[in-house]
Amino acid sequence: MDELGAMRLFLRVTESGSFSAAGRRLGMAPSSVSRQLGGLEDSLGVRLLNRTTRRLSLTEAGRLYHERAERILADVDEAIAAVAHLHTSPRGLLRINVPLVFGRLHVVPALAAFLRQYPDVRIDLVLTDHFVNLVEEGVDVAIRVGELADSSLIAGRLAPNRRVICASPAYIARHGEPKLPDDLSRHHCLVYKMNLANATWRLQGPEGEIGVAVSGPLQANDLGALYAAVLEGLGLGLLPTWLVGDCLRSGELVGVLGDYQATATGFDTAIHAVFPQARQLSAKVRAFVDFMAARFSPRPPWEAPPATGSG
């Protein structure tokens, strides 16, 4: 038996005062109303209504059931309305997972504006480079840089993830600037230790795609550490523009081998917002994804051209 449906039917009958009036309101035959109310009474084991030819009246059990049923259905209706409101107005706790360095540089600075725009949202932000299972950890949305291995997630592309070879002016002054990819084998190249394949930098240039084996005094599994080492003049780095864009514009770093582009790998395909599959995407997740996409579109701020003087 549909107990909530039976409760609603019972309340409509008591409000209407008769089976026929309740049936007209609900689009049901009076006999169907009577039969369903009888089924409710049978399931409860009590009589809820005294039936006479002229009117219906509540029994003692009926009055008690009516009082409780009104409260229960009010709570149910309130719960349904609250959930429906979540899908129309961004509100509630939003759990976000982002990579450590990218999050500090490009997500955290955006949160103040996001929360001003959506004051009913609260954020639980986790910054980590470790893989997080969104469903198991209860994460609403994550930003991921690179290959998306988990096909159970829905992804929205936020921005490209382009990499450039760069060095400090001090390093270039000491060691010279590489003019061709083969020159990299004679330079100090700082390697991102994501996997062994990163000891070979793959570049696309006039002669097609080539791979250059590189080595140097430092390898690390943290982009922030490599970025700091490149700034200090320790060597060349193949780093994402979202990390070094400001320094390239200011001259703190110099891009080299401009005719060659790092080819797409699992690391530099794109930057995506990902979230678990759902029939209806909550308004808070949609608001966050749309907000970040607008912030990085049509060109991400880290790839903006250098400012030019008015004179």
Protein backbone atom coordinates (compact mmCIF):
# COMPACT_ATOMS: atom_id res chain seq x y z
CA MET A 1 0.00 0.00 0.00
CA ASP A 2 1.12 3.56 -0.79
CA GLU A 3 0.92 4.80 2.79
CA LEU A 4 1.63 8.46 1.98
CA GLY A 5 -0.94 8.37 -0.80
CA ALA A 6 -3.46 6.81 1.56
CA MET A 7 -2.74 9.54 4.12
CA ARG A 8 -3.39 12.23 1.54
CA LEU A 9 -6.60 10.54 0.48
CA PHE A 10 -7.75 10.31 4.10
CA LEU A 11 -7.13 14.04 4.64
CA ARG A 12 -8.99 14.97 1.44
CA VAL A 13 -11.97 12.89 2.57
CA THR A 14 -12.11 14.52 6.00
CA GLU A 15 -11.77 17.99 4.43
CA SER A 16 -14.50 17.30 1.86
CA GLY A 17 -16.90 15.61 4.27
CA SER A 18 -17.90 12.80 1.90
CA PHE A 19 -16.49 10.21 -0.46
CA SER A 20 -18.25 11.74 -3.45
CA ALA A 21 -16.91 15.27 -2.76
CA ALA A 22 -13.40 13.91 -2.22
CA GLY A 23 -13.72 11.88 -5.41
CA ARG A 24 -14.65 14.98 -7.41
CA ARG A 25 -11.58 16.84 -6.08
CA LEU A 26 -9.28 13.91 -6.84
CA GLY A 27 -10.87 12.73 -10.07
CA MET A 28 -11.84 9.38 -8.53
CA ALA A 29 -15.08 7.46 -8.30
CA PRO A 30 -16.65 7.50 -4.80
CA SER A 31 -16.50 3.70 -4.71
CA SER A 32 -12.74 3.84 -5.35
CA VAL A 33 -12.28 6.37 -2.55
CA SER A 34 -14.30 4.21 -0.17
CA ARG A 35 -12.38 1.08 -1.15
CA GLN A 36 -8.97 2.71 -0.60
CA LEU A 37 -10.01 4.16 2.77
CA GLY A 38 -11.20 0.72 3.77
CA GLY A 39 -7.82 -0.70 2.79
CA LEU A 40 -6.09 1.92 4.97
CA GLU A 41 -8.28 1.02 7.94
CA ASP A 42 -7.61 -2.68 7.39
CA SER A 43 -3.85 -2.10 7.33
CA LEU A 44 -4.02 -0.06 10.53
CA GLY A 45 -6.43 -2.44 12.23
CA VAL A 46 -8.72 0.38 13.37
CA ARG A 47 -11.75 2.27 12.10
CA LEU A 48 -10.92 5.88 11.22
CA LEU A 49 -14.33 7.10 10.10
CA ASN A 50 -17.88 6.62 11.28
CA ARG A 51 -20.03 6.35 8.16
CA THR A 52 -23.71 7.33 8.11
CA THR A 53 -26.01 8.04 5.20
CA ARG A 54 -25.71 11.78 5.82
CA ARG A 55 -22.12 12.41 6.85
CA LEU A 56 -18.72 11.10 7.91
CA SER A 57 -17.20 11.69 11.32
CA LEU A 58 -13.82 10.85 12.82
CA THR A 59 -13.43 8.13 15.40
CA GLU A 60 -11.04 8.66 18.29
CA ALA A 61 -8.38 6.75 16.36
CA GLY A 62 -9.27 8.81 13.28
CA ARG A 63 -8.70 12.10 15.14
CA LEU A 64 -5.30 10.92 16.36
CA TYR A 65 -4.34 9.64 12.88
CA HIS A 66 -5.55 12.87 11.26
CA GLU A 67 -3.41 15.00 13.57
CA ARG A 68 -0.26 12.93 12.95
CA ALA A 69 -0.93 12.59 9.21
CA GLU A 70 -1.16 16.36 8.80
CA ARG A 71 2.25 16.83 10.48
CA ILE A 72 3.87 14.00 8.53
CA LEU A 73 2.63 15.22 5.15
CA ALA A 74 3.62 18.80 5.97
CA ASP A 75 7.15 17.57 6.70
CA VAL A 76 7.21 15.53 3.49
CA ASP A 77 6.01 18.49 1.43
CA GLU A 78 8.62 20.72 3.07
CA ALA A 79 11.37 18.19 2.31
CA ILE A 80 10.28 17.93 -1.32
CA ALA A 81 10.21 21.71 -1.66
CA ALA A 82 13.65 22.03 -0.07
CA VAL A 83 15.20 19.50 -2.44
CA ALA A 84 13.49 21.08 -5.42
CA HIS A 85 14.83 24.47 -4.31
CA LEU A 86 18.37 23.08 -4.33
CA HIS A 87 18.02 22.48 -8.07
CA THR A 88 16.75 25.99 -8.78
CA SER A 89 18.77 28.19 -6.40
CA PRO A 90 22.43 27.54 -5.51
CA ARG A 91 22.61 26.87 -1.80
CA GLY A 92 24.06 24.48 0.76
CA LEU A 93 27.50 22.92 1.22
CA LEU A 94 29.60 22.53 -1.94
CA ARG A 95 32.50 20.07 -1.63
CA ILE A 96 35.29 20.88 -4.11
CA ASN A 97 38.53 19.01 -4.84
CA VAL A 98 41.32 20.75 -6.80
CA PRO A 99 45.03 20.14 -7.52
CA LEU A 100 47.28 21.83 -5.00
CA VAL A 101 49.20 24.39 -7.06
CA PHE A 102 46.45 25.12 -9.60
CA GLY A 103 43.96 25.50 -6.77
CA ARG A 104 46.08 28.01 -4.89
CA LEU A 105 46.76 30.09 -7.99
CA HIS A 106 43.44 30.04 -9.83
CA VAL A 107 40.63 28.61 -7.70
CA VAL A 108 41.15 30.11 -4.24
CA PRO A 109 41.38 33.69 -5.63
CA ALA A 110 38.03 33.15 -7.40
CA LEU A 111 36.10 31.94 -4.36
CA ALA A 112 35.44 35.36 -2.82
CA ALA A 113 33.67 36.56 -5.98
CA PHE A 114 31.79 33.25 -6.28
CA LEU A 115 30.54 33.42 -2.69
CA ARG A 116 29.50 37.05 -3.07
CA GLN A 117 27.44 36.03 -6.08
CA TYR A 118 25.98 32.98 -4.30
CA PRO A 119 25.75 33.89 -0.60
CA ASP A 120 23.69 30.79 0.29
CA VAL A 121 26.53 28.45 -0.72
CA ARG A 122 29.22 27.26 1.70
CA ILE A 123 32.42 25.63 0.43
CA ASP A 124 34.46 22.71 1.73
CA LEU A 125 37.68 22.94 -0.33
CA VAL A 126 40.25 20.13 -0.43
CA LEU A 127 43.53 20.83 -2.23
CA THR A 128 45.48 17.69 -3.08
CA ASP A 129 47.37 16.14 -5.96
CA HIS A 130 46.28 12.65 -4.90
CA PHE A 131 43.53 10.96 -6.87
CA VAL A 132 40.19 11.29 -5.09
CA ASN A 133 37.18 9.08 -5.78
CA LEU A 134 34.44 11.67 -5.93
CA VAL A 135 31.60 9.29 -5.11
CA GLU A 136 33.32 7.56 -2.19
CA GLU A 137 34.59 10.84 -0.70
CA GLY A 138 31.31 12.70 -1.19
CA VAL A 139 32.89 15.35 -3.46
CA ASP A 140 30.43 17.42 -5.50
CA VAL A 141 32.87 18.70 -8.13
CA ALA A 142 36.58 18.49 -8.86
CA ILE A 143 38.95 20.32 -11.17
CA ARG A 144 41.42 18.02 -12.88
CA VAL A 145 44.39 18.85 -15.06
CA GLY A 146 45.18 16.31 -17.75
CA GLU A 147 43.79 12.98 -18.79
CA LEU A 148 40.40 11.89 -17.47
CA ALA A 149 40.70 8.20 -16.73
CA ASP A 150 37.39 7.76 -14.89
CA SER A 151 34.65 7.40 -17.52
CA SER A 152 31.93 7.33 -14.83
CA LEU A 153 32.34 11.09 -14.35
CA ILE A 154 30.82 13.90 -16.37
CA ALA A 155 33.37 16.48 -17.51
CA GLY A 156 33.10 20.09 -18.59
CA ARG A 157 36.16 21.60 -20.29
CA LEU A 158 37.31 24.80 -18.60
CA ALA A 159 40.54 25.73 -20.39
CA PRO A 160 43.49 24.40 -22.40
CA ASN A 161 46.57 23.22 -20.54
CA ARG A 162 49.47 24.41 -22.69
CA ARG A 163 53.10 23.95 -21.67
CA VAL A 164 56.16 25.97 -22.60
CA ILE A 165 59.90 25.52 -22.16
CA CYS A 166 61.23 28.40 -20.12
CA ALA A 167 64.18 29.56 -18.06
CA SER A 168 65.28 32.56 -16.04
CA PRO A 169 67.26 35.34 -17.76
CA ALA A 170 70.16 34.48 -15.40
CA TYR A 171 70.25 30.90 -16.64
CA ILE A 172 70.17 32.04 -20.28
CA ALA A 173 73.00 34.47 -19.58
CA ARG A 174 75.16 31.69 -18.11
CA HIS A 175 74.33 28.82 -20.45
CA GLY A 176 72.92 30.39 -23.60
CA GLU A 177 69.56 29.83 -25.23
CA PRO A 178 68.73 26.55 -26.98
CA LYS A 179 67.90 27.19 -30.62
CA LEU A 180 66.96 23.64 -31.66
CA PRO A 181 65.42 20.73 -29.73
CA ASP A 182 68.69 18.78 -29.92
CA ASP A 183 70.33 21.56 -27.89
CA LEU A 184 68.24 20.50 -24.88
CA SER A 185 70.44 17.44 -24.33
CA ARG A 186 73.31 19.84 -23.45
CA HIS A 187 71.24 21.92 -21.02
CA HIS A 188 70.13 21.49 -17.43
CA CYS A 189 66.52 20.36 -17.80
CA LEU A 190 64.39 20.06 -14.69
CA VAL A 191 62.04 17.11 -14.93
CA TYR A 192 58.53 16.77 -13.54
CA LYS A 193 58.55 13.29 -12.06
CA MET A 194 54.98 12.37 -12.92
CA ASN A 195 56.13 9.25 -14.69
CA LEU A 196 59.24 8.00 -16.47
CA ALA A 197 57.96 9.25 -19.83
CA ASN A 198 58.58 12.81 -18.68
CA ALA A 199 62.34 12.26 -19.06
CA THR A 200 61.56 12.69 -22.76
CA TRP A 201 60.08 16.00 -23.85
CA ARG A 202 57.90 15.57 -26.93
CA LEU A 203 57.68 18.61 -29.17
CA GLN A 204 55.81 19.48 -32.35
CA GLY A 205 57.73 21.69 -34.78
CA PRO A 206 58.44 22.40 -38.44
CA GLU A 207 59.88 18.93 -38.95
CA GLY A 208 56.98 17.19 -37.19
CA GLU A 209 56.86 15.57 -33.78
CA ILE A 210 60.13 14.69 -32.10
CA GLY A 211 61.18 13.38 -28.71
CA VAL A 212 64.19 14.73 -26.86
CA ALA A 213 65.73 12.90 -23.92
CA VAL A 214 66.47 15.41 -21.17
CA SER A 215 68.24 15.36 -17.84
CA GLY A 216 69.41 17.77 -15.21
CA PRO A 217 70.27 18.33 -11.58
CA LEU A 218 66.69 18.15 -10.29
CA GLN A 219 63.57 16.08 -10.76
CA ALA A 220 60.51 16.51 -8.57
CA ASN A 221 56.91 15.38 -8.30
CA ASP A 222 55.74 18.88 -7.39
CA LEU A 223 55.25 21.56 -10.03
CA GLY A 224 55.64 24.31 -7.46
CA ALA A 225 59.12 23.04 -6.59
CA LEU A 226 60.19 22.94 -10.25
CA TYR A 227 58.75 26.41 -10.82
CA ALA A 228 60.76 27.79 -7.91
CA ALA A 229 63.92 26.07 -9.18
CA VAL A 230 63.46 27.50 -12.69
CA LEU A 231 62.99 30.99 -11.21
CA GLU A 232 66.24 30.52 -9.27
CA GLY A 233 68.11 29.79 -12.49
CA LEU A 234 68.75 26.10 -11.87
CA GLY A 235 67.71 25.04 -15.37
CA LEU A 236 65.06 24.84 -18.09
CA GLY A 237 61.58 23.70 -17.25
CA LEU A 238 58.65 22.42 -19.32
CA LEU A 239 55.88 24.04 -17.33
CA PRO A 240 52.19 24.85 -17.84
CA THR A 241 51.29 28.38 -18.79
CA TRP A 242 48.80 28.56 -15.92
CA LEU A 243 51.84 28.37 -13.63
CA VAL A 244 54.36 30.57 -15.47
CA GLY A 245 52.17 32.94 -17.51
CA ASP A 246 52.63 35.96 -15.21
CA CYS A 247 56.41 35.48 -15.10
CA LEU A 248 56.63 35.22 -18.88
CA ARG A 249 54.75 38.51 -19.21
CA SER A 250 56.87 40.24 -16.59
CA GLY A 251 60.19 38.95 -17.95
CA GLU A 252 61.08 36.97 -14.83
CA LEU A 253 61.10 33.94 -17.12
CA VAL A 254 61.92 33.64 -20.81
CA GLY A 255 60.25 31.22 -23.20
CA VAL A 256 62.58 29.31 -25.53
CA LEU A 257 62.13 27.22 -28.67
CA GLY A 258 59.08 29.24 -29.63
CA ASP A 259 58.68 27.36 -32.91
CA TYR A 260 58.02 24.15 -30.98
CA GLN A 261 54.97 23.23 -28.94
CA ALA A 262 54.78 20.53 -26.31
CA THR A 263 52.55 17.81 -27.74
CA ALA A 264 49.44 16.61 -25.93
CA THR A 265 50.09 13.96 -23.31
CA GLY A 266 48.07 12.64 -20.42
CA PHE A 267 49.34 15.63 -18.46
CA ASP A 268 48.53 18.53 -20.74
CA THR A 269 45.34 17.69 -22.60
CA ALA A 270 43.06 20.21 -20.84
CA ILE A 271 41.66 21.45 -17.56
CA HIS A 272 38.22 20.04 -16.74
CA ALA A 273 35.57 20.31 -14.07
CA VAL A 274 34.30 16.81 -13.29
CA PHE A 275 31.38 15.61 -11.23
CA PRO A 276 29.53 12.33 -10.63
CA GLN A 277 26.80 11.34 -13.02
CA ALA A 278 23.33 12.41 -11.95
CA ARG A 279 19.97 12.82 -13.59
CA GLN A 280 19.76 16.37 -12.30
CA LEU A 281 22.84 18.46 -11.66
CA SER A 282 22.44 20.48 -8.48
CA ALA A 283 22.27 24.23 -8.87
CA LYS A 284 25.34 24.78 -6.68
CA VAL A 285 27.52 22.52 -8.87
CA ARG A 286 26.21 24.03 -12.08
CA ALA A 287 26.79 27.54 -10.71
CA PHE A 288 30.39 26.73 -9.77
CA VAL A 289 31.22 25.06 -13.10
CA ASP A 290 29.66 27.92 -15.08
CA PHE A 291 31.44 30.51 -12.92
CA MET A 292 34.86 28.94 -13.44
CA ALA A 293 34.26 28.40 -17.16
CA ALA A 294 33.36 32.08 -17.56
CA ARG A 295 36.48 33.08 -15.60
CA PHE A 296 38.72 31.11 -17.97
CA SER A 297 36.90 32.03 -21.20
CA PRO A 298 37.42 32.93 -23.99
CA ARG A 299 41.13 33.00 -23.09
CA PRO A 300 42.40 31.97 -19.66
CA PRO A 301 43.96 34.90 -17.78
CA TRP A 302 47.36 33.21 -17.58
CA GLU A 303 47.61 33.31 -21.38
CA ALA A 304 46.66 36.96 -21.77
CA PRO A 305 49.13 38.94 -23.89
CA PRO A 306 51.48 41.40 -22.15
CA ALA A 307 49.98 44.82 -21.43
CA THR A 308 51.08 47.51 -23.86
CA GLY A 309 51.81 51.09 -22.92
CA SER A 310 49.57 53.95 -24.07
CA GLY A 311 52.50 55.89 -25.47
